[in-house]
Amino acid sequence: MKKTRICANCGAEHAIEDMFEVEGDWLCEDCADRLTVICDHCAERIYAENAIEDEHYSLCHDCDCIIRTYSAYYDDDGRTYCESC
């Protein structure tokens, strides 16, 4: 019998081998792809919204994309921008 888990985001039941554990939650692949990122620093999957609170990431002031702090561009007011913006 296959072990299953309920996705903490969408509530659907999936085989455990098709899920990801993220910060104590179990997420299906679709939800994990939409809601999480792989941290370049620690290689852990974390919620995207929590990545911007990490010292290694910032949020672009214009487009709200998550960018690595070391590759961010800064204006005179200290706001961060991605390369595109």
Protein backbone atom coordinates (compact mmCIF):
# COMPACT_ATOMS: atom_id res chain seq x y z
CA MET A 1 0.00 0.00 0.00
CA LYS A 2 1.35 3.39 -1.04
CA LYS A 3 1.82 6.04 1.60
CA THR A 4 0.06 9.29 0.82
CA ARG A 5 -0.05 12.81 2.22
CA ILE A 6 -2.43 15.72 1.90
CA CYS A 7 -0.96 18.85 0.31
CA ALA A 8 -0.91 21.67 2.86
CA ASN A 9 -1.80 24.16 0.14
CA CYS A 10 -4.36 22.62 -2.25
CA GLY A 11 -5.64 19.83 0.00
CA ALA A 12 -5.26 17.10 -2.63
CA GLU A 13 -3.96 13.66 -1.69
CA HIS A 14 -0.76 12.50 -3.41
CA ALA A 15 1.73 9.65 -3.11
CA ILE A 16 4.43 10.70 -0.65
CA GLU A 17 7.18 10.19 -3.25
CA ASP A 18 5.50 12.88 -5.40
CA MET A 19 5.56 15.46 -2.60
CA PHE A 20 8.05 17.85 -1.07
CA GLU A 21 8.49 18.67 2.60
CA VAL A 22 8.88 22.44 2.95
CA GLU A 23 9.41 24.04 6.33
CA GLY A 24 7.39 21.27 8.01
CA ASP A 25 4.57 21.26 5.41
CA TRP A 26 3.97 18.66 2.71
CA LEU A 27 3.32 20.13 -0.74
CA CYS A 28 2.41 18.48 -4.03
CA GLU A 29 4.72 19.14 -6.97
CA ASP A 30 2.46 21.80 -8.52
CA CYS A 31 2.15 23.77 -5.29
CA ALA A 32 5.86 23.39 -4.53
CA ASP A 33 6.72 24.74 -7.99
CA ARG A 34 4.46 27.76 -7.51
CA LEU A 35 5.17 28.59 -3.86
CA THR A 36 8.77 27.62 -3.19
CA VAL A 37 12.33 28.19 -4.35
CA ILE A 38 15.54 26.26 -3.82
CA CYS A 39 17.92 28.37 -1.75
CA ASP A 40 21.21 28.83 -3.62
CA HIS A 41 23.00 29.18 -0.30
CA CYS A 42 21.77 26.13 1.64
CA ALA A 43 20.09 24.08 -1.17
CA GLU A 44 16.93 23.70 0.94
CA ARG A 45 13.45 24.22 -0.54
CA ILE A 46 11.85 27.20 1.20
CA TYR A 47 8.70 29.22 0.73
CA ALA A 48 9.33 32.06 -1.73
CA GLU A 49 7.72 34.54 0.66
CA ASN A 50 10.26 33.56 3.32
CA ALA A 51 13.19 33.81 0.92
CA ILE A 52 12.93 37.59 0.85
CA GLU A 53 13.43 37.65 4.61
CA ASP A 54 16.69 35.74 4.15
CA GLU A 55 19.96 37.69 4.02
CA HIS A 56 20.80 36.00 0.71
CA TYR A 57 17.74 37.22 -1.22
CA SER A 58 15.91 40.43 -1.97
CA LEU A 59 12.72 41.40 -3.72
CA CYS A 60 12.91 43.59 -6.84
CA HIS A 61 11.27 46.92 -6.11
CA ASP A 62 9.65 47.07 -9.58
CA CYS A 63 8.61 43.54 -10.59
CA ASP A 64 8.57 41.75 -7.18
CA CYS A 65 10.77 38.88 -8.41
CA ILE A 66 13.12 37.23 -5.93
CA ILE A 67 16.77 37.96 -6.65
CA ARG A 68 20.04 36.98 -5.03
CA THR A 69 21.40 39.81 -2.91
CA TYR A 70 24.82 39.59 -4.53
CA SER A 71 23.34 40.12 -8.02
CA ALA A 72 20.88 42.87 -7.08
CA TYR A 73 21.19 46.44 -8.26
CA TYR A 74 20.60 49.22 -5.72
CA ASP A 75 19.42 52.79 -6.18
CA ASP A 76 20.46 55.76 -4.04
CA ASP A 77 17.58 55.06 -1.63
CA GLY A 78 18.72 51.46 -1.02
CA ARG A 79 15.90 49.83 -3.00
CA THR A 80 16.82 46.62 -4.81
CA TYR A 81 16.24 45.86 -8.49
CA CYS A 82 16.78 42.87 -10.74
CA GLU A 83 18.89 43.11 -13.89
CA SER A 84 15.78 43.48 -16.10
CA CYS A 85 14.39 46.44 -14.18
